[in-house]
PDB file of all heavy atoms in Angstrom:
ATOM      1  N   LEU A   1      62.663  63.860  37.097  1.00  0.00           N
ATOM      2  CA  LEU A   1      61.428  63.243  36.519  1.00  0.00           C
ATOM      3  C   LEU A   1      61.575  62.686  35.102  1.00  0.00           C
ATOM      4  O   LEU A   1      60.625  62.005  34.653  1.00  0.00           O
ATOM      5  CB  LEU A   1      60.279  64.358  36.538  1.00  0.00           C
ATOM      6  CG  LEU A   1      59.929  64.849  37.930  1.00  0.00           C
ATOM      7  CD1 LEU A   1      58.972  66.003  37.771  1.00  0.00           C
ATOM      8  CD2 LEU A   1      59.365  63.761  38.765  1.00  0.00           C
ATOM      9  N   ALA A   2      62.723  62.916  34.523  1.00  0.00           N
ATOM     10  CA  ALA A   2      63.087  62.352  33.224  1.00  0.00           C
ATOM     11  C   ALA A   2      62.107  62.747  32.107  1.00  0.00           C
ATOM     12  O   ALA A   2      61.639  61.824  31.390  1.00  0.00           O
ATOM     13  CB  ALA A   2      63.277  60.858  33.395  1.00  0.00           C
ATOM     14  N   VAL A   3      61.795  63.927  32.058  1.00  0.00           N
ATOM     15  CA  VAL A   3      61.021  64.501  30.929  1.00  0.00           C
ATOM     16  C   VAL A   3      61.659  65.601  30.240  1.00  0.00           C
ATOM     17  O   VAL A   3      62.633  66.124  30.697  1.00  0.00           O
ATOM     18  CB  VAL A   3      59.512  65.012  31.435  1.00  0.00           C
ATOM     19  CG1 VAL A   3      58.766  63.839  31.958  1.00  0.00           C
ATOM     20  CG2 VAL A   3      59.690  66.165  32.419  1.00  0.00           C
ATOM     21  N   ASP A   4      61.156  66.040  29.116  1.00  0.00           N
ATOM     22  CA  ASP A   4      61.837  67.162  28.320  1.00  0.00           C
ATOM     23  C   ASP A   4      61.694  68.493  29.148  1.00  0.00           C
ATOM     24  O   ASP A   4      60.728  68.616  29.915  1.00  0.00           O
ATOM     25  CB  ASP A   4      61.193  67.317  26.981  1.00  0.00           C
ATOM     26  CG  ASP A   4      61.523  66.138  26.110  1.00  0.00           C
ATOM     27  OD1 ASP A   4      62.523  65.493  26.279  1.00  0.00           O
ATOM     28  OD2 ASP A   4      60.777  65.959  25.126  1.00  0.00           O
ATOM     29  N   GLU A   5      62.611  69.401  28.952  1.00  0.00           N
ATOM     30  CA  GLU A   5      62.497  70.747  29.594  1.00  0.00           C
ATOM     31  C   GLU A   5      61.181  71.351  29.109  1.00  0.00           C
ATOM     32  O   GLU A   5      60.923  71.454  27.881  1.00  0.00           O
ATOM     33  CB  GLU A   5      63.693  71.566  29.212  1.00  0.00           C
ATOM     34  CG  GLU A   5      63.617  72.974  29.810  1.00  0.00           C
ATOM     35  CD  GLU A   5      64.879  73.752  29.505  1.00  0.00           C
ATOM     36  OE1 GLU A   5      65.843  73.222  28.976  1.00  0.00           O
ATOM     37  OE2 GLU A   5      64.796  74.996  29.748  1.00  0.00           O
ATOM     38  N   PRO A   6      60.364  71.794  30.022  1.00  0.00           N
ATOM     39  CA  PRO A   6      59.028  72.456  29.643  1.00  0.00           C
ATOM     40  C   PRO A   6      59.257  73.678  28.814  1.00  0.00           C
ATOM     41  O   PRO A   6      60.195  74.409  28.951  1.00  0.00           O
ATOM     42  CB  PRO A   6      58.372  72.770  31.033  1.00  0.00           C
ATOM     43  CG  PRO A   6      59.138  71.944  32.002  1.00  0.00           C
ATOM     44  CD  PRO A   6      60.498  71.724  31.517  1.00  0.00           C
ATOM     45  N   GLU A   7      58.302  73.857  27.872  1.00  0.00           N
ATOM     46  CA  GLU A   7      58.413  74.994  26.915  1.00  0.00           C
ATOM     47  C   GLU A   7      58.282  76.328  27.788  1.00  0.00           C
ATOM     48  O   GLU A   7      58.937  77.267  27.422  1.00  0.00           O
ATOM     49  CB  GLU A   7      57.319  74.867  25.880  1.00  0.00           C
ATOM     50  CG  GLU A   7      57.331  75.877  24.793  1.00  0.00           C
ATOM     51  CD  GLU A   7      56.647  77.182  25.137  1.00  0.00           C
ATOM     52  OE1 GLU A   7      55.780  77.179  25.955  1.00  0.00           O
ATOM     53  OE2 GLU A   7      57.047  78.216  24.508  1.00  0.00           O
ATOM     54  N   TRP A   8      57.391  76.336  28.837  1.00  0.00           N
ATOM     55  CA  TRP A   8      57.252  77.465  29.534  1.00  0.00           C
ATOM     56  C   TRP A   8      58.523  77.821  30.320  1.00  0.00           C
ATOM     57  O   TRP A   8      58.804  79.068  30.581  1.00  0.00           O
ATOM     58  CB  TRP A   8      56.109  77.359  30.598  1.00  0.00           C
ATOM     59  CG  TRP A   8      56.252  76.202  31.577  1.00  0.00           C
ATOM     60  CD1 TRP A   8      55.659  75.030  31.484  1.00  0.00           C
ATOM     61  CD2 TRP A   8      57.048  76.171  32.813  1.00  0.00           C
ATOM     62  NE1 TRP A   8      56.045  74.247  32.598  1.00  0.00           N
ATOM     63  CE2 TRP A   8      56.803  74.976  33.367  1.00  0.00           C
ATOM     64  CE3 TRP A   8      57.827  77.166  33.445  1.00  0.00           C
ATOM     65  CZ2 TRP A   8      57.444  74.536  34.554  1.00  0.00           C
ATOM     66  CZ3 TRP A   8      58.509  76.778  34.613  1.00  0.00           C
ATOM     67  CH2 TRP A   8      58.246  75.526  35.175  1.00  0.00           C
ATOM     68  N   LEU A   9      59.370  76.823  30.628  1.00  0.00           N
ATOM     69  CA  LEU A   9      60.668  77.170  31.281  1.00  0.00           C
ATOM     70  C   LEU A   9      61.630  77.771  30.370  1.00  0.00           C
ATOM     71  O   LEU A   9      62.375  78.707  30.733  1.00  0.00           O
ATOM     72  CB  LEU A   9      61.182  75.789  31.860  1.00  0.00           C
ATOM     73  CG  LEU A   9      62.504  75.875  32.734  1.00  0.00           C
ATOM     74  CD1 LEU A   9      62.297  76.956  33.880  1.00  0.00           C
ATOM     75  CD2 LEU A   9      62.778  74.535  33.334  1.00  0.00           C
ATOM     76  N   ARG A  10      61.635  77.304  29.112  1.00  0.00           N
ATOM     77  CA  ARG A  10      62.448  77.897  28.105  1.00  0.00           C
ATOM     78  C   ARG A  10      62.112  79.381  27.827  1.00  0.00           C
ATOM     79  O   ARG A  10      62.894  80.264  27.703  1.00  0.00           O
ATOM     80  CB  ARG A  10      62.431  77.135  26.802  1.00  0.00           C
ATOM     81  CG  ARG A  10      63.157  75.724  26.951  1.00  0.00           C
ATOM     82  CD  ARG A  10      63.301  75.106  25.520  1.00  0.00           C
ATOM     83  NE  ARG A  10      62.103  74.817  24.858  1.00  0.00           N
ATOM     84  CZ  ARG A  10      61.395  73.756  24.959  1.00  0.00           C
ATOM     85  NH1 ARG A  10      61.866  72.686  25.744  1.00  0.00           N
ATOM     86  NH2 ARG A  10      60.278  73.547  24.232  1.00  0.00           N
ATOM     87  N   ARG A  11      60.773  79.599  27.791  1.00  0.00           N
ATOM     88  CA  ARG A  11      60.275  80.998  27.571  1.00  0.00           C
ATOM     89  C   ARG A  11      60.660  81.875  28.680  1.00  0.00           C
ATOM     90  O   ARG A  11      61.021  83.008  28.527  1.00  0.00           O
ATOM     91  CB  ARG A  11      58.815  80.931  27.332  1.00  0.00           C
ATOM     92  CG  ARG A  11      58.363  80.525  25.976  1.00  0.00           C
ATOM     93  CD  ARG A  11      56.903  80.872  25.666  1.00  0.00           C
ATOM     94  NE  ARG A  11      56.019  79.993  26.422  1.00  0.00           N
ATOM     95  CZ  ARG A  11      55.102  80.491  27.223  1.00  0.00           C
ATOM     96  NH1 ARG A  11      54.916  81.702  27.531  1.00  0.00           N
ATOM     97  NH2 ARG A  11      54.279  79.612  27.914  1.00  0.00           N
ATOM     98  N   ALA A  12      60.538  81.315  29.926  1.00  0.00           N
ATOM     99  CA  ALA A  12      60.886  82.173  31.095  1.00  0.00           C
ATOM    100  C   ALA A  12      62.356  82.498  31.155  1.00  0.00           C
ATOM    101  O   ALA A  12      62.672  83.654  31.298  1.00  0.00           O
ATOM    102  CB  ALA A  12      60.537  81.308  32.340  1.00  0.00           C
ATOM    103  N   ALA A  13      63.187  81.542  30.748  1.00  0.00           N
ATOM    104  CA  ALA A  13      64.669  81.926  30.690  1.00  0.00           C
ATOM    105  C   ALA A  13      64.948  82.914  29.677  1.00  0.00           C
ATOM    106  O   ALA A  13      65.776  83.866  29.852  1.00  0.00           O
ATOM    107  CB  ALA A  13      65.454  80.647  30.384  1.00  0.00           C
ATOM    108  N   SER A  14      64.319  82.871  28.509  1.00  0.00           N
ATOM    109  CA  SER A  14      64.422  83.887  27.438  1.00  0.00           C
ATOM    110  C   SER A  14      63.961  85.270  27.911  1.00  0.00           C
ATOM    111  O   SER A  14      64.712  86.239  27.705  1.00  0.00           O
ATOM    112  CB  SER A  14      63.707  83.370  26.204  1.00  0.00           C
ATOM    113  OG  SER A  14      63.782  84.431  25.150  1.00  0.00           O
ATOM    114  N   GLN A  15      62.784  85.350  28.473  1.00  0.00           N
ATOM    115  CA  GLN A  15      62.224  86.551  28.824  1.00  0.00           C
ATOM    116  C   GLN A  15      63.024  87.267  29.919  1.00  0.00           C
ATOM    117  O   GLN A  15      63.391  88.462  29.779  1.00  0.00           O
ATOM    118  CB  GLN A  15      60.836  86.405  29.387  1.00  0.00           C
ATOM    119  CG  GLN A  15      59.752  86.204  28.309  1.00  0.00           C
ATOM    120  CD  GLN A  15      59.577  87.578  27.563  1.00  0.00           C
ATOM    121  OE1 GLN A  15      59.244  88.557  28.117  1.00  0.00           O
ATOM    122  NE2 GLN A  15      59.656  87.398  26.178  1.00  0.00           N
ATOM    123  N   TRP A  16      63.479  86.521  30.928  1.00  0.00           N
ATOM    124  CA  TRP A  16      64.202  87.145  32.031  1.00  0.00           C
ATOM    125  C   TRP A  16      65.708  87.352  31.680  1.00  0.00           C
ATOM    126  O   TRP A  16      66.510  87.946  32.450  1.00  0.00           O
ATOM    127  CB  TRP A  16      64.071  86.286  33.292  1.00  0.00           C
ATOM    128  CG  TRP A  16      62.596  86.501  33.797  1.00  0.00           C
ATOM    129  CD1 TRP A  16      61.588  85.565  33.677  1.00  0.00           C
ATOM    130  CD2 TRP A  16      62.192  87.566  34.558  1.00  0.00           C
ATOM    131  NE1 TRP A  16      60.520  86.122  34.388  1.00  0.00           N
ATOM    132  CE2 TRP A  16      60.862  87.337  34.958  1.00  0.00           C
ATOM    133  CE3 TRP A  16      62.787  88.832  35.025  1.00  0.00           C
ATOM    134  CZ2 TRP A  16      60.053  88.219  35.702  1.00  0.00           C
ATOM    135  CZ3 TRP A  16      62.051  89.649  35.875  1.00  0.00           C
ATOM    136  CH2 TRP A  16      60.738  89.336  36.125  1.00  0.00           C
ATOM    137  N   GLY A  17      66.124  86.888  30.544  1.00  0.00           N
ATOM    138  CA  GLY A  17      67.524  87.112  30.045  1.00  0.00           C
ATOM    139  C   GLY A  17      67.633  88.436  29.429  1.00  0.00           C
ATOM    140  O   GLY A  17      68.804  88.869  29.053  1.00  0.00           O
ATOM    141  N   LEU A  18      66.526  89.107  29.146  1.00  0.00           N
ATOM    142  CA  LEU A  18      66.546  90.427  28.474  1.00  0.00           C
ATOM    143  C   LEU A  18      67.159  91.518  29.409  1.00  0.00           C
ATOM    144  O   LEU A  18      67.121  91.355  30.589  1.00  0.00           O
ATOM    145  CB  LEU A  18      65.163  90.858  28.056  1.00  0.00           C
ATOM    146  CG  LEU A  18      64.454  90.029  27.060  1.00  0.00           C
ATOM    147  CD1 LEU A  18      62.988  90.350  26.855  1.00  0.00           C
ATOM    148  CD2 LEU A  18      65.181  90.023  25.707  1.00  0.00           C
ATOM    149  N   PRO A  19      67.779  92.474  28.833  1.00  0.00           N
ATOM    150  CA  PRO A  19      68.367  93.580  29.642  1.00  0.00           C
ATOM    151  C   PRO A  19      67.453  94.272  30.558  1.00  0.00           C
ATOM    152  O   PRO A  19      66.218  94.440  30.164  1.00  0.00           O
ATOM    153  CB  PRO A  19      68.991  94.547  28.599  1.00  0.00           C
ATOM    154  CG  PRO A  19      69.069  93.848  27.256  1.00  0.00           C
ATOM    155  CD  PRO A  19      67.952  92.780  27.306  1.00  0.00           C
ATOM    156  N   ALA A  20      67.791  94.675  31.743  1.00  0.00           N
ATOM    157  CA  ALA A  20      66.930  95.418  32.716  1.00  0.00           C
ATOM    158  C   ALA A  20      66.718  96.776  32.100  1.00  0.00           C
ATOM    159  O   ALA A  20      67.606  97.467  31.505  1.00  0.00           O
ATOM    160  CB  ALA A  20      67.611  95.528  33.999  1.00  0.00           C
ATOM    161  N   PRO A  21      65.501  97.273  32.159  1.00  0.00           N
ATOM    162  CA  PRO A  21      65.170  98.650  31.621  1.00  0.00           C
ATOM    163  C   PRO A  21      65.768  99.668  32.518  1.00  0.00           C
ATOM    164  O   PRO A  21      66.167  99.574  33.632  1.00  0.00           O
ATOM    165  CB  PRO A  21      63.681  98.671  31.749  1.00  0.00           C
ATOM    166  CG  PRO A  21      63.250  97.662  32.725  1.00  0.00           C
ATOM    167  CD  PRO A  21      64.285  96.648  32.715  1.00  0.00           C
ATOM    168  N   ARG A  22      65.960 100.849  31.922  1.00  0.00           N
ATOM    169  CA  ARG A  22      66.458 102.052  32.554  1.00  0.00           C
ATOM    170  C   ARG A  22      65.503 103.143  32.428  1.00  0.00           C
ATOM    171  O   ARG A  22      64.663 103.160  31.493  1.00  0.00           O
ATOM    172  CB  ARG A  22      67.839 102.413  31.907  1.00  0.00           C
ATOM    173  CG  ARG A  22      68.872 101.407  32.142  1.00  0.00           C
ATOM    174  CD  ARG A  22      69.393 101.293  33.691  1.00  0.00           C
ATOM    175  NE  ARG A  22      70.559 100.436  33.853  1.00  0.00           N
ATOM    176  CZ  ARG A  22      70.318  99.136  34.174  1.00  0.00           C
ATOM    177  NH1 ARG A  22      69.210  98.663  34.343  1.00  0.00           N
ATOM    178  NH2 ARG A  22      71.412  98.423  34.453  1.00  0.00           N
ATOM    179  N   PRO A  23      65.533 104.188  33.323  1.00  0.00           N
ATOM    180  CA  PRO A  23      66.445 104.380  34.361  1.00  0.00           C
ATOM    181  C   PRO A  23      66.066 103.477  35.578  1.00  0.00           C
ATOM    182  O   PRO A  23      64.951 102.917  35.655  1.00  0.00           O
ATOM    183  CB  PRO A  23      66.289 105.762  34.796  1.00  0.00           C
ATOM    184  CG  PRO A  23      64.881 106.081  34.413  1.00  0.00           C
ATOM    185  CD  PRO A  23      64.623 105.366  33.199  1.00  0.00           C
ATOM    186  N   GLU A  24      67.061 103.223  36.543  1.00  0.00           N
ATOM    187  CA  GLU A  24      66.697 102.491  37.661  1.00  0.00           C
ATOM    188  C   GLU A  24      65.877 103.251  38.617  1.00  0.00           C
ATOM    189  O   GLU A  24      65.890 104.440  38.666  1.00  0.00           O
ATOM    190  CB  GLU A  24      68.071 102.084  38.390  1.00  0.00           C
ATOM    191  CG  GLU A  24      68.892 101.143  37.619  1.00  0.00           C
ATOM    192  CD  GLU A  24      70.094 100.736  38.499  1.00  0.00           C
ATOM    193  OE1 GLU A  24      70.636 101.579  39.267  1.00  0.00           O
ATOM    194  OE2 GLU A  24      70.631  99.618  38.289  1.00  0.00           O
ATOM    195  N   LEU A  25      64.982 102.573  39.314  1.00  0.00           N
ATOM    196  CA  LEU A  25      64.125 103.153  40.391  1.00  0.00           C
ATOM    197  C   LEU A  25      64.397 102.482  41.685  1.00  0.00           C
ATOM    198  O   LEU A  25      64.567 101.250  41.751  1.00  0.00           O
ATOM    199  CB  LEU A  25      62.630 102.953  39.886  1.00  0.00           C
ATOM    200  CG  LEU A  25      62.180 103.572  38.642  1.00  0.00           C
ATOM    201  CD1 LEU A  25      60.738 103.140  38.378  1.00  0.00           C
ATOM    202  CD2 LEU A  25      62.307 105.034  38.675  1.00  0.00           C
ATOM    203  N   ARG A  26      64.420 103.260  42.768  1.00  0.00           N
ATOM    204  CA  ARG A  26      64.565 102.772  44.062  1.00  0.00           C
ATOM    205  C   ARG A  26      63.174 102.274  44.633  1.00  0.00           C
ATOM    206  O   ARG A  26      62.204 102.980  44.592  1.00  0.00           O
ATOM    207  CB  ARG A  26      65.113 103.844  45.014  1.00  0.00           C
ATOM    208  CG  ARG A  26      66.546 104.149  44.659  1.00  0.00           C
ATOM    209  CD  ARG A  26      67.028 105.409  45.551  1.00  0.00           C
ATOM    210  NE  ARG A  26      66.790 105.354  46.910  1.00  0.00           N
ATOM    211  CZ  ARG A  26      67.600 104.576  47.767  1.00  0.00           C
ATOM    212  NH1 ARG A  26      68.689 104.050  47.328  1.00  0.00           N
ATOM    213  NH2 ARG A  26      67.275 104.590  49.081  1.00  0.00           N
ATOM    214  N   VAL A  27      63.134 100.975  45.027  1.00  0.00           N
ATOM    215  CA  VAL A  27      61.988 100.344  45.358  1.00  0.00           C
ATOM    216  C   VAL A  27      61.976  99.745  46.737  1.00  0.00           C
ATOM    217  O   VAL A  27      63.041  99.296  47.261  1.00  0.00           O
ATOM    218  CB  VAL A  27      61.494  99.266  44.387  1.00  0.00           C
ATOM    219  CG1 VAL A  27      62.557  98.091  44.409  1.00  0.00           C
ATOM    220  CG2 VAL A  27      60.137  98.807  44.547  1.00  0.00           C
ATOM    221  N   ILE A  28      60.816  99.687  47.404  1.00  0.00           N
ATOM    222  CA  ILE A  28      60.590  98.923  48.621  1.00  0.00           C
ATOM    223  C   ILE A  28      59.478  98.031  48.451  1.00  0.00           C
ATOM    224  O   ILE A  28      58.422  98.404  47.864  1.00  0.00           O
ATOM    225  CB  ILE A  28      60.326  99.904  49.863  1.00  0.00           C
ATOM    226  CG1 ILE A  28      61.472 100.702  50.176  1.00  0.00           C
ATOM    227  CG2 ILE A  28      59.900  99.040  51.086  1.00  0.00           C
ATOM    228  CD1 ILE A  28      61.173 101.810  51.187  1.00  0.00           C
ATOM    229  N   VAL A  29      59.605  96.715  48.855  1.00  0.00           N
ATOM    230  CA  VAL A  29      58.577  95.693  48.705  1.00  0.00           C
ATOM    231  C   VAL A  29      58.135  95.191  50.100  1.00  0.00           C
ATOM    232  O   VAL A  29      58.780  94.324  50.620  1.00  0.00           O
ATOM    233  CB  VAL A  29      59.038  94.650  47.815  1.00  0.00           C
ATOM    234  CG1 VAL A  29      57.851  93.555  47.493  1.00  0.00           C
ATOM    235  CG2 VAL A  29      59.519  95.031  46.436  1.00  0.00           C
ATOM    236  N   PRO A  30      57.118  95.740  50.729  1.00  0.00           N
ATOM    237  CA  PRO A  30      56.645  95.144  51.938  1.00  0.00           C
ATOM    238  C   PRO A  30      56.028  93.738  51.713  1.00  0.00           C
ATOM    239  O   PRO A  30      55.351  93.621  50.671  1.00  0.00           O
ATOM    240  CB  PRO A  30      55.647  96.178  52.456  1.00  0.00           C
ATOM    241  CG  PRO A  30      55.914  97.479  51.731  1.00  0.00           C
ATOM    242  CD  PRO A  30      56.466  97.011  50.366  1.00  0.00           C
TER     243      PRO A  30
END
């Protein structure tokens, strides 16, 4: 589309780049 990278996309990359919290929990997602 030849536009600048959206600001929300940069924020998403930054947020999800943070370390995963501990302790781990076992999960099921139906």
